[in-house]
C-alpha atoms as a PDB file:
ATOM      1  CA  MET A   1     -24.995 -21.483   5.873  1.00  0.00           C
ATOM      2  CA  GLU A   2     -26.709 -21.267   9.258  1.00  0.00           C
ATOM      3  CA  SER A   3     -30.001 -20.001   7.809  1.00  0.00           C
ATOM      4  CA  GLU A   4     -30.320 -22.872   5.316  1.00  0.00           C
ATOM      5  CA  PRO A   5     -31.147 -25.671   7.837  1.00  0.00           C
ATOM      6  CA  ARG A   6     -33.473 -23.294   9.656  1.00  0.00           C
ATOM      7  CA  GLY A   7     -35.280 -22.505   6.397  1.00  0.00           C
ATOM      8  CA  CYS A   8     -35.620 -26.193   5.546  1.00  0.00           C
ATOM      9  CA  LEU A   9     -37.098 -26.939   8.975  1.00  0.00           C
ATOM     10  CA  MET A  10     -39.649 -24.157   8.524  1.00  0.00           C
ATOM     11  CA  VAL A  11     -40.665 -25.553   5.133  1.00  0.00           C
ATOM     12  CA  VAL A  12     -41.055 -29.071   6.563  1.00  0.00           C
ATOM     13  CA  GLY A  13     -43.088 -27.672   9.456  1.00  0.00           C
ATOM     14  CA  PHE A  14     -45.487 -25.836   7.142  1.00  0.00           C
ATOM     15  CA  VAL A  15     -45.897 -28.957   4.996  1.00  0.00           C
ATOM     16  CA  ILE A  16     -46.702 -31.110   8.040  1.00  0.00           C
ATOM     17  CA  VAL A  17     -49.185 -28.584   9.420  1.00  0.00           C
ATOM     18  CA  GLY A  18     -50.784 -28.130   6.012  1.00  0.00           C
ATOM     19  CA  THR A  19     -51.086 -31.890   5.524  1.00  0.00           C
ATOM     20  CA  LEU A  20     -52.693 -32.280   8.958  1.00  0.00           C
ATOM     21  CA  LEU A  21     -55.203 -29.528   8.127  1.00  0.00           C
ATOM     22  CA  VAL A  22     -56.119 -31.318   4.906  1.00  0.00           C
ATOM     23  CA  ALA A  23     -56.610 -34.594   6.794  1.00  0.00           C
ATOM     24  CA  VAL A  24     -58.597 -32.988   9.597  1.00  0.00           C
ATOM     25  CA  GLY A  25     -60.676 -31.067   7.060  1.00  0.00           C
ATOM     26  CA  GLY A  26     -61.584 -34.269   5.290  1.00  0.00           C
ATOM     27  CA  TRP A  27     -62.613 -35.913   8.561  1.00  0.00           C
ATOM     28  CA  VAL A  28     -64.640 -32.858   9.669  1.00  0.00           C
ATOM     29  CA  GLY A  29     -66.365 -32.680   6.285  1.00  0.00           C
ATOM     30  CA  ALA A  30     -67.275 -36.354   6.430  1.00  0.00           C
ATOM     31  CA  GLN A  31     -68.448 -36.425  10.051  1.00  0.00           C
ATOM     32  CA  PHE A  32     -69.942 -33.002  10.747  1.00  0.00           C
ATOM     33  CA  GLN A  33     -70.108 -30.033   8.375  1.00  0.00           C
ATOM     34  CA  ALA A  34     -68.981 -30.089   4.773  1.00  0.00           C
ATOM     35  CA  ALA A  35     -68.318 -26.328   4.607  1.00  0.00           C
ATOM     36  CA  ALA A  36     -66.011 -26.367   7.633  1.00  0.00           C
ATOM     37  CA  GLY A  37     -64.157 -29.370   6.268  1.00  0.00           C
ATOM     38  CA  THR A  38     -63.751 -27.720   2.892  1.00  0.00           C
ATOM     39  CA  ALA A  39     -62.328 -24.579   4.550  1.00  0.00           C
ATOM     40  CA  LEU A  40     -59.782 -26.597   6.513  1.00  0.00           C
ATOM     41  CA  ILE A  41     -58.779 -28.536   3.405  1.00  0.00           C
ATOM     42  CA  ALA A  42     -58.324 -25.286   1.459  1.00  0.00           C
ATOM     43  CA  MET A  43     -56.262 -23.771   4.270  1.00  0.00           C
ATOM     44  CA  GLY A  44     -54.026 -26.820   4.448  1.00  0.00           C
ATOM     45  CA  ALA A  45     -53.566 -26.906   0.667  1.00  0.00           C
ATOM     46  CA  VAL A  46     -52.552 -23.239   0.650  1.00  0.00           C
ATOM     47  CA  MET A  47     -50.004 -23.841   3.411  1.00  0.00           C
ATOM     48  CA  VAL A  48     -48.479 -26.834   1.587  1.00  0.00           C
ATOM     49  CA  ALA A  49     -48.356 -24.982  -1.743  1.00  0.00           C
ATOM     50  CA  GLY A  50     -46.863 -21.889  -0.099  1.00  0.00           C
ATOM     51  CA  ALA A  51     -44.204 -23.926   1.679  1.00  0.00           C
ATOM     52  CA  ILE A  52     -43.196 -25.651  -1.549  1.00  0.00           C
ATOM     53  CA  ALA A  53     -43.074 -22.339  -3.418  1.00  0.00           C
ATOM     54  CA  ARG A  54     -40.995 -20.755  -0.660  1.00  0.00           C
ATOM     55  CA  HIS A  55     -38.563 -23.662  -0.728  1.00  0.00           C
ATOM     56  CA  ARG A  56     -38.142 -23.425  -4.490  1.00  0.00           C
ATOM     57  CA  GLY A  57     -37.715 -19.658  -4.312  1.00  0.00           C
ATOM     58  CA  GLN A  58     -35.091 -19.951  -1.584  1.00  0.00           C
ATOM     59  CA  ARG A  59     -33.141 -22.520  -3.575  1.00  0.00           C
ATOM     60  CA  ALA A  60     -33.275 -20.326  -6.663  1.00  0.00           C
ATOM     61  CA  LEU A  61     -32.071 -17.290  -4.689  1.00  0.00           C
ATOM     62  CA  GLU A  62     -29.183 -19.246  -3.162  1.00  0.00           C
ATOM     63  CA  ALA A  63     -28.174 -20.537  -6.591  1.00  0.00           C
ATOM     64  CA  GLN A  64     -28.226 -16.987  -7.957  1.00  0.00           C
ATOM     65  CA  GLN A  65     -26.105 -15.727  -5.061  1.00  0.00           C
ATOM     66  CA  ARG A  66     -23.573 -18.534  -5.550  1.00  0.00           C
ATOM     67  CA  ALA A  67     -23.376 -17.713  -9.242  1.00  0.00           C
ATOM     68  CA  HIS A  68     -22.309 -14.140  -8.411  1.00  0.00           C
ATOM     69  CA  GLN A  69     -19.657 -15.115  -5.858  1.00  0.00           C
ATOM     70  CA  PRO A  70     -15.997 -15.648  -6.786  1.00  0.00           C
ATOM     71  CA  LEU A  71     -14.743 -19.188  -7.192  1.00  0.00           C
ATOM     72  CA  LEU A  72     -13.404 -20.747  -3.983  1.00  0.00           C
ATOM     73  CA  ASN A  73      -9.841 -21.940  -3.560  1.00  0.00           C
ATOM     74  CA  PRO A  74     -10.144 -25.705  -2.842  1.00  0.00           C
ATOM     75  CA  LEU A  75      -7.159 -25.457  -0.466  1.00  0.00           C
ATOM     76  CA  GLY A  76      -8.963 -22.832   1.623  1.00  0.00           C
ATOM     77  CA  GLY A  77      -7.923 -19.204   1.918  1.00  0.00           C
ATOM     78  CA  PRO A  78      -5.602 -17.303  -0.413  1.00  0.00           C
ATOM     79  CA  PRO A  79      -2.161 -18.699  -1.296  1.00  0.00           C
ATOM     80  CA  PRO A  80       0.800 -17.394   0.739  1.00  0.00           C
ATOM     81  CA  ALA A  81       2.323 -14.191  -0.595  1.00  0.00           C
ATOM     82  CA  PRO A  82       4.719 -11.468   0.558  1.00  0.00           C
ATOM     83  CA  ALA A  83       3.035  -8.206   1.591  1.00  0.00           C
ATOM     84  CA  TYR A  84       3.797  -5.290  -0.687  1.00  0.00           C
ATOM     85  CA  GLU A  85       4.847  -3.155   2.271  1.00  0.00           C
ATOM     86  CA  ASP A  86       7.489  -5.675   3.440  1.00  0.00           C
ATOM     87  CA  ALA A  87      10.744  -3.899   4.179  1.00  0.00           C
ATOM     88  CA  GLY A  88      13.844  -4.683   2.172  1.00  0.00           C
ATOM     89  CA  GLU A  89      17.261  -4.069   3.642  1.00  0.00           C
ATOM     90  CA  LEU A  90      17.042  -2.338   7.024  1.00  0.00           C
ATOM     91  CA  SER A  91      19.644   0.240   7.980  1.00  0.00           C
ATOM     92  CA  GLY A  92      18.270   2.169  10.968  1.00  0.00           C
ATOM     93  CA  THR A  93      15.399   3.846  12.732  1.00  0.00           C
ATOM     94  CA  MET A  94      13.228   6.516  11.176  1.00  0.00           C
ATOM     95  CA  LEU A  95      14.904   9.192  13.270  1.00  0.00           C
ATOM     96  CA  GLU A  96      18.382   8.011  12.304  1.00  0.00           C
ATOM     97  CA  LEU A  97      17.581   7.887   8.590  1.00  0.00           C
ATOM     98  CA  TYR A  98      15.329  10.919   8.169  1.00  0.00           C
ATOM     99  CA  GLY A  99      15.884  13.143  11.226  1.00  0.00           C
ATOM    100  CA  GLY A 100      18.404  15.838  11.974  1.00  0.00           C
ATOM    101  CA  ASP A 101      19.649  18.770   9.953  1.00  0.00           C
ATOM    102  CA  ARG A 102      18.902  17.669   6.395  1.00  0.00           C
ATOM    103  CA  PRO A 103      18.289  19.860   3.357  1.00  0.00           C
ATOM    104  CA  ASP A 104      14.728  20.615   2.322  1.00  0.00           C
ATOM    105  CA  PRO A 105      13.392  18.221  -0.381  1.00  0.00           C
ATOM    106  CA  GLY A 106      12.925  20.797  -3.123  1.00  0.00           C
ATOM    107  CA  VAL A 107      10.842  23.947  -3.126  1.00  0.00           C
ATOM    108  CA  LEU A 108       8.159  24.578  -0.496  1.00  0.00           C
ATOM    109  CA  GLU A 109       4.693  24.403  -2.074  1.00  0.00           C
ATOM    110  CA  ARG A 110       2.158  24.066   0.754  1.00  0.00           C
ATOM    111  CA  SER A 111       2.170  24.162   4.529  1.00  0.00           C
ATOM    112  CA  PHE A 112      -0.229  22.389   6.868  1.00  0.00           C
ATOM    113  CA  PRO A 113      -0.004  24.045  10.309  1.00  0.00           C
ATOM    114  CA  PRO A 114      -1.290  22.275  13.432  1.00  0.00           C
ATOM    115  CA  PRO A 115      -4.815  23.027  14.651  1.00  0.00           C
ATOM    116  CA  ARG A 116      -3.452  24.930  17.664  1.00  0.00           C
ATOM    117  CA  PRO A 117       0.013  26.491  17.471  1.00  0.00           C
ATOM    118  CA  ARG A 118       2.474  25.536  20.202  1.00  0.00           C
ATOM    119  CA  ASP A 119       0.400  22.561  21.415  1.00  0.00           C
ATOM    120  CA  GLY A 120       3.062  20.039  20.377  1.00  0.00           C
ATOM    121  CA  SER A 121       1.277  18.879  17.219  1.00  0.00           C
ATOM    122  CA  PRO A 122       3.458  18.611  14.101  1.00  0.00           C
ATOM    123  CA  GLU A 123       3.439  20.992  11.172  1.00  0.00           C
ATOM    124  CA  TYR A 124       3.545  19.323   7.766  1.00  0.00           C
ATOM    125  CA  LEU A 125       5.417  21.071   4.959  1.00  0.00           C
ATOM    126  CA  ALA A 126       4.927  19.795   1.414  1.00  0.00           C
ATOM    127  CA  TYR A 127       7.873  20.323  -0.923  1.00  0.00           C
ATOM    128  CA  THR A 128       8.214  19.508  -4.612  1.00  0.00           C
ATOM    129  CA  ASP A 129      10.180  16.316  -3.853  1.00  0.00           C
ATOM    130  CA  GLY A 130       9.095  15.325  -0.380  1.00  0.00           C
ATOM    131  CA  LEU A 131       7.624  16.136   3.001  1.00  0.00           C
ATOM    132  CA  VAL A 132       8.975  17.726   6.171  1.00  0.00           C
ATOM    133  CA  VAL A 133       7.398  16.940   9.545  1.00  0.00           C
ATOM    134  CA  ALA A 134       8.377  19.697  11.989  1.00  0.00           C
ATOM    135  CA  THR A 135       7.823  19.570  15.767  1.00  0.00           C
ATOM    136  CA  ASP A 136       9.156  21.459  18.778  1.00  0.00           C
ATOM    137  CA  THR A 137      11.866  18.815  19.215  1.00  0.00           C
ATOM    138  CA  GLY A 138      13.106  18.499  15.652  1.00  0.00           C
ATOM    139  CA  ARG A 139      12.064  17.514  12.184  1.00  0.00           C
ATOM    140  CA  LEU A 140      11.922  14.616   9.731  1.00  0.00           C
ATOM    141  CA  VAL A 141      12.732  15.051   6.047  1.00  0.00           C
ATOM    142  CA  ILE A 142      10.957  12.415   3.917  1.00  0.00           C
ATOM    143  CA  PRO A 143      11.782  12.316   0.190  1.00  0.00           C
ATOM    144  CA  CYS A 144       8.913  11.019  -1.969  1.00  0.00           C
ATOM    145  CA  ASP A 145      11.108   8.231  -3.365  1.00  0.00           C
ATOM    146  CA  ALA A 146      11.727   6.963   0.192  1.00  0.00           C
ATOM    147  CA  ILE A 147       8.038   6.124   0.714  1.00  0.00           C
ATOM    148  CA  ARG A 148       7.524   2.434  -0.084  1.00  0.00           C
ATOM    149  CA  ALA A 149       3.894   2.026   1.057  1.00  0.00           C
ATOM    150  CA  VAL A 150       0.891   4.191   1.938  1.00  0.00           C
ATOM    151  CA  TRP A 151      -2.228   3.480   4.011  1.00  0.00           C
ATOM    152  CA  HIS A 152      -4.981   6.042   3.540  1.00  0.00           C
ATOM    153  CA  ARG A 153      -8.082   6.456   5.695  1.00  0.00           C
ATOM    154  CA  ARG A 154     -10.731   9.097   5.179  1.00  0.00           C
ATOM    155  CA  GLU A 155     -12.789  10.217   8.141  1.00  0.00           C
ATOM    156  CA  PHE A 156     -15.746   7.925   8.512  1.00  0.00           C
ATOM    157  CA  THR A 157     -18.219   6.761  11.112  1.00  0.00           C
ATOM    158  CA  VAL A 158     -18.284   3.129  12.188  1.00  0.00           C
ATOM    159  CA  PRO A 159     -21.914   2.078  12.807  1.00  0.00           C
ATOM    160  CA  GLY A 160     -22.815   1.148  16.357  1.00  0.00           C
ATOM    161  CA  ARG A 161     -23.129  -2.501  17.317  1.00  0.00           C
ATOM    162  CA  THR A 162     -26.047  -4.188  19.001  1.00  0.00           C
ATOM    163  CA  LEU A 163     -24.005  -4.885  22.140  1.00  0.00           C
ATOM    164  CA  PRO A 164     -24.897  -2.764  25.183  1.00  0.00           C
ATOM    165  CA  GLY A 165     -22.779   0.369  25.505  1.00  0.00           C
ATOM    166  CA  VAL A 166     -21.182   0.084  22.061  1.00  0.00           C
ATOM    167  CA  GLY A 167     -22.347   2.975  19.895  1.00  0.00           C
ATOM    168  CA  ALA A 168     -21.204   4.543  16.659  1.00  0.00           C
ATOM    169  CA  ARG A 169     -17.749   6.104  16.626  1.00  0.00           C
ATOM    170  CA  THR A 170     -15.944   8.380  14.171  1.00  0.00           C
ATOM    171  CA  LEU A 171     -12.434   7.514  13.050  1.00  0.00           C
ATOM    172  CA  PRO A 172     -10.329  10.525  11.998  1.00  0.00           C
ATOM    173  CA  ALA A 173      -8.632  10.838   8.630  1.00  0.00           C
ATOM    174  CA  LEU A 174      -4.999   9.779   8.480  1.00  0.00           C
ATOM    175  CA  CYS A 175      -2.205   8.740   6.179  1.00  0.00           C
ATOM    176  CA  GLU A 176       0.399   6.199   7.290  1.00  0.00           C
ATOM    177  CA  LEU A 177       3.724   5.772   5.523  1.00  0.00           C
ATOM    178  CA  ALA A 178       6.251   2.931   5.409  1.00  0.00           C
ATOM    179  CA  LEU A 179       9.736   4.222   4.621  1.00  0.00           C
ATOM    180  CA  GLU A 180      12.740   2.671   2.964  1.00  0.00           C
ATOM    181  CA  GLY A 181      15.433   1.297   5.256  1.00  0.00           C
ATOM    182  CA  THR A 182      13.354   1.081   8.421  1.00  0.00           C
ATOM    183  CA  GLU A 183      10.456  -0.858   9.923  1.00  0.00           C
ATOM    184  CA  ASP A 184       9.203   2.309  11.648  1.00  0.00           C
ATOM    185  CA  ARG A 185       6.030   3.827  10.248  1.00  0.00           C
ATOM    186  CA  LEU A 186       5.097   7.478  10.104  1.00  0.00           C
ATOM    187  CA  THR A 187       1.480   8.470  10.790  1.00  0.00           C
ATOM    188  CA  LEU A 188       0.269  11.808   9.431  1.00  0.00           C
ATOM    189  CA  SER A 189      -2.891  12.944  11.221  1.00  0.00           C
ATOM    190  CA  GLY A 190      -4.511  15.792  13.086  1.00  0.00           C
ATOM    191  CA  SER A 191      -4.125  18.486  10.438  1.00  0.00           C
ATOM    192  CA  PRO A 192      -7.197  20.686   9.872  1.00  0.00           C
ATOM    193  CA  ARG A 193      -6.604  19.975   6.153  1.00  0.00           C
ATOM    194  CA  GLN A 194      -5.787  16.307   6.608  1.00  0.00           C
ATOM    195  CA  GLU A 195      -7.678  15.115   3.512  1.00  0.00           C
ATOM    196  CA  GLU A 196      -5.767  17.584   1.346  1.00  0.00           C
ATOM    197  CA  LEU A 197      -2.454  16.462   2.838  1.00  0.00           C
ATOM    198  CA  SER A 198      -3.277  12.771   2.401  1.00  0.00           C
ATOM    199  CA  ALA A 199      -4.401  13.289  -1.210  1.00  0.00           C
ATOM    200  CA  LEU A 200      -1.145  15.094  -1.980  1.00  0.00           C
ATOM    201  CA  ILE A 201       0.941  12.226  -0.543  1.00  0.00           C
ATOM    202  CA  VAL A 202      -1.082   9.605  -2.425  1.00  0.00           C
ATOM    203  CA  ASP A 203      -0.806  11.498  -5.701  1.00  0.00           C
ATOM    204  CA  ARG A 204       2.959  11.970  -5.466  1.00  0.00           C
ATOM    205  CA  THR A 205       3.756   8.380  -4.482  1.00  0.00           C
ATOM    206  CA  ARG A 206       1.227   6.390  -6.551  1.00  0.00           C
ATOM    207  CA  GLU A 207       3.322   5.836  -9.677  1.00  0.00           C
ATOM    208  CA  ARG A 208       6.395   4.701  -7.777  1.00  0.00           C
ATOM    209  CA  ILE A 209       4.439   2.365  -5.481  1.00  0.00           C
ATOM    210  CA  VAL A 210       2.602   0.758  -8.416  1.00  0.00           C
ATOM    211  CA  ARG A 211       5.959   0.221 -10.134  1.00  0.00           C
ATOM    212  CA  ARG A 212       7.381  -1.290  -6.931  1.00  0.00           C
ATOM    213  CA  ILE A 213       4.446  -3.714  -6.666  1.00  0.00           C
ATOM    214  CA  ARG A 214       4.850  -4.745 -10.303  1.00  0.00           C
ATOM    215  CA  GLU A 215       8.559  -5.403  -9.755  1.00  0.00           C
ATOM    216  CA  MET A 216       7.808  -7.499  -6.657  1.00  0.00           C
ATOM    217  CA  PHE A 217       5.104  -9.413  -8.547  1.00  0.00           C
ATOM    218  CA  ASP A 218       7.408 -10.089 -11.512  1.00  0.00           C
ATOM    219  CA  ARG A 219      10.124 -11.293  -9.132  1.00  0.00           C
ATOM    220  CA  GLU A 220       8.033 -13.351  -6.678  1.00  0.00           C
ATOM    221  CA  GLY A 221       5.053 -14.335  -8.829  1.00  0.00           C
ATOM    222  CA  THR A 222       2.672 -13.251  -6.072  1.00  0.00           C
ATOM    223  CA  VAL A 223       2.090 -10.266  -3.807  1.00  0.00           C
ATOM    224  CA  ARG A 224      -0.461  -9.258  -1.148  1.00  0.00           C
ATOM    225  CA  LEU A 225      -2.155  -5.860  -0.818  1.00  0.00           C
ATOM    226  CA  GLY A 226      -4.157  -5.919   2.393  1.00  0.00           C
ATOM    227  CA  GLU A 227      -6.871  -8.557   1.879  1.00  0.00           C
ATOM    228  CA  LEU A 228      -6.128  -8.827  -1.854  1.00  0.00           C
ATOM    229  CA  THR A 229      -3.651 -11.469  -3.061  1.00  0.00           C
ATOM    230  CA  LEU A 230      -2.327 -11.350  -6.619  1.00  0.00           C
ATOM    231  CA  THR A 231      -0.945 -14.481  -8.295  1.00  0.00           C
ATOM    232  CA  ARG A 232      -0.138 -15.426 -11.881  1.00  0.00           C
ATOM    233  CA  GLU A 233      -3.440 -17.333 -12.014  1.00  0.00           C
ATOM    234  CA  GLY A 234      -5.653 -14.521 -10.754  1.00  0.00           C
ATOM    235  CA  VAL A 235      -6.726 -12.630  -7.631  1.00  0.00           C
ATOM    236  CA  TYR A 236      -7.914 -13.893  -4.230  1.00  0.00           C
ATOM    237  CA  ASP A 237      -9.785 -12.353  -1.330  1.00  0.00           C
ATOM    238  CA  ARG A 238      -9.035 -13.221   2.307  1.00  0.00           C
ATOM    239  CA  GLU A 239     -11.544 -16.101   2.284  1.00  0.00           C
ATOM    240  CA  GLY A 240      -9.982 -17.741  -0.768  1.00  0.00           C
ATOM    241  CA  GLY A 241     -12.507 -16.411  -3.281  1.00  0.00           C
ATOM    242  CA  HIS A 242     -10.792 -16.379  -6.656  1.00  0.00           C
ATOM    243  CA  LEU A 243     -11.190 -14.776 -10.089  1.00  0.00           C
ATOM    244  CA  PRO A 244      -8.867 -15.671 -12.997  1.00  0.00           C
ATOM    245  CA  TRP A 245      -7.282 -12.767 -14.840  1.00  0.00           C
ATOM    246  CA  SER A 246      -9.377 -11.183 -17.560  1.00  0.00           C
ATOM    247  CA  GLY A 247      -8.995  -8.118 -19.699  1.00  0.00           C
ATOM    248  CA  ASP A 248     -12.773  -7.614 -19.501  1.00  0.00           C
ATOM    249  CA  TRP A 249     -12.938  -6.963 -15.770  1.00  0.00           C
ATOM    250  CA  ARG A 250     -14.686  -3.889 -14.395  1.00  0.00           C
ATOM    251  CA  ILE A 251     -12.666  -2.564 -11.456  1.00  0.00           C
ATOM    252  CA  ASP A 252     -13.938   0.035  -9.023  1.00  0.00           C
ATOM    253  CA  GLY A 253     -14.057   0.678  -5.322  1.00  0.00           C
ATOM    254  CA  LEU A 254     -14.956   2.844  -2.358  1.00  0.00           C
ATOM    255  CA  PRO A 255     -12.654   4.959  -0.176  1.00  0.00           C
ATOM    256  CA  PHE A 256     -14.319   3.353   2.843  1.00  0.00           C
ATOM    257  CA  PRO A 257     -14.161  -0.124   4.390  1.00  0.00           C
ATOM    258  CA  THR A 258     -16.834  -2.761   4.292  1.00  0.00           C
ATOM    259  CA  GLY A 259     -18.069  -4.422   7.467  1.00  0.00           C
ATOM    260  CA  GLU A 260     -17.329  -2.747  10.789  1.00  0.00           C
ATOM    261  CA  GLY A 261     -14.265  -0.792   9.693  1.00  0.00           C
ATOM    262  CA  GLU A 262     -11.572  -2.791  11.450  1.00  0.00           C
ATOM    263  CA  GLY A 263      -8.163  -1.715  10.129  1.00  0.00           C
ATOM    264  CA  PRO A 264      -5.524  -1.359   9.067  1.00  0.00           C
ATOM    265  CA  CYS A 265      -6.889  -1.269   5.489  1.00  0.00           C
ATOM    266  CA  TYR A 266      -9.752   1.191   5.024  1.00  0.00           C
ATOM    267  CA  ASN A 267     -10.440   1.166   1.274  1.00  0.00           C
ATOM    268  CA  THR A 268     -12.529  -1.435  -0.566  1.00  0.00           C
ATOM    269  CA  VAL A 269     -11.764  -2.557  -4.116  1.00  0.00           C
ATOM    270  CA  TYR A 270     -14.272  -4.499  -6.241  1.00  0.00           C
ATOM    271  CA  VAL A 271     -13.428  -6.715  -9.215  1.00  0.00           C
ATOM    272  CA  HIS A 272     -16.426  -7.576 -11.423  1.00  0.00           C
ATOM    273  CA  SER A 273     -16.117 -10.336 -14.022  1.00  0.00           C
ATOM    274  CA  THR A 274     -18.187 -10.660 -17.185  1.00  0.00           C
ATOM    275  CA  ASP A 275     -20.024 -13.680 -15.738  1.00  0.00           C
ATOM    276  CA  ARG A 276     -21.322 -11.365 -12.956  1.00  0.00           C
ATOM    277  CA  ARG A 277     -19.051 -12.620 -10.189  1.00  0.00           C
ATOM    278  CA  THR A 278     -17.688  -9.982  -7.825  1.00  0.00           C
ATOM    279  CA  LEU A 279     -14.629 -10.140  -5.588  1.00  0.00           C
ATOM    280  CA  ALA A 280     -14.263  -7.559  -2.809  1.00  0.00           C
ATOM    281  CA  ALA A 281     -11.210  -6.865  -0.647  1.00  0.00           C
ATOM    282  CA  GLN A 282      -9.977  -4.137   1.673  1.00  0.00           C
ATOM    283  CA  VAL A 283      -6.715  -2.579   0.523  1.00  0.00           C
ATOM    284  CA  PRO A 284      -4.237  -0.020   1.931  1.00  0.00           C
ATOM    285  CA  GLU A 285      -4.920   2.636  -0.726  1.00  0.00           C
ATOM    286  CA  LEU A 286      -7.572   2.457  -3.414  1.00  0.00           C
ATOM    287  CA  THR A 287      -5.919   4.078  -6.441  1.00  0.00           C
ATOM    288  CA  VAL A 288      -2.756   1.978  -6.090  1.00  0.00           C
ATOM    289  CA  ALA A 289      -4.805  -1.233  -5.926  1.00  0.00           C
ATOM    290  CA  THR A 290      -6.946  -0.345  -8.944  1.00  0.00           C
ATOM    291  CA  GLY A 291      -3.868   0.744 -10.909  1.00  0.00           C
ATOM    292  CA  VAL A 292      -2.075  -2.548 -10.303  1.00  0.00           C
ATOM    293  CA  LEU A 293      -5.194  -4.593 -11.073  1.00  0.00           C
ATOM    294  CA  GLU A 294      -5.825  -2.747 -14.336  1.00  0.00           C
ATOM    295  CA  GLU A 295      -2.228  -3.274 -15.505  1.00  0.00           C
ATOM    296  CA  LEU A 296      -2.082  -6.964 -14.599  1.00  0.00           C
ATOM    297  CA  SER A 297      -5.570  -7.773 -15.894  1.00  0.00           C
ATOM    298  CA  VAL A 298      -4.462  -6.653 -19.346  1.00  0.00           C
ATOM    299  CA  SER A 299      -0.976  -8.220 -19.361  1.00  0.00           C
ATOM    300  CA  LEU A 300      -1.942 -11.574 -17.748  1.00  0.00           C
ATOM    301  CA  ALA A 301      -5.358 -12.208 -19.311  1.00  0.00           C
ATOM    302  CA  SER A 302      -5.359 -15.550 -21.112  1.00  0.00           C
END
């Protein structure tokens, strides 16, 4: 770490200065005034003792921090893995597969009108078995079982940076969908009730997406969810931090990103082991990630 050499140099500097004060204090006490020499000796001794104590405290803190970090992959970084959103067989564009005059997917339950009628923004219509996106130029009919992956972002504010002219900014809520048969993605955003719409999509697709991830994992032996990589040996973060599977994990998370909020994954999942190590990773959607982790931690724990 960059701060470690700097800290060591500071300790060495304090020891040298303290030692010089002790030496000068002894000379002053012998040649001129005993009280002044004694004061210098005491000051130097305090500096040396403080530097040694600081060094020991820093080493203890670093050891404690290392003890709480996940194990590192000796090969560096996580092992290669297919992304869970990878498309299977492609058969057309989103408009070709889901546009046109198609029947409604079930019974209409909720509507999400645009913020300003007739401004070109889409209206979202939630049916029992899917979603309709209606615009002035046409509509898309998206069955729930055609959604293979979901990215969910709540509205949040990215803190400003220290660079000149770069202040805090607010990212709007959105829900992005990957659909079967196409590489095109559908972004749902701009609704005055966007959080309600996103929560509805997440709730209706979670079980199928978790099942799809489990099937991919059973077939490939590994799968990647954003920064989180799952293997038969355990889980990895993007830096190669690793935790072996355990049925005693505590799994939780936040519906917000860590760091500066760079996408496309905006949810953070935490895996806590019984030896107090914690692995953190940003994932496309929090409840899917925790659901998969909870299932695999039980079935694969040694």
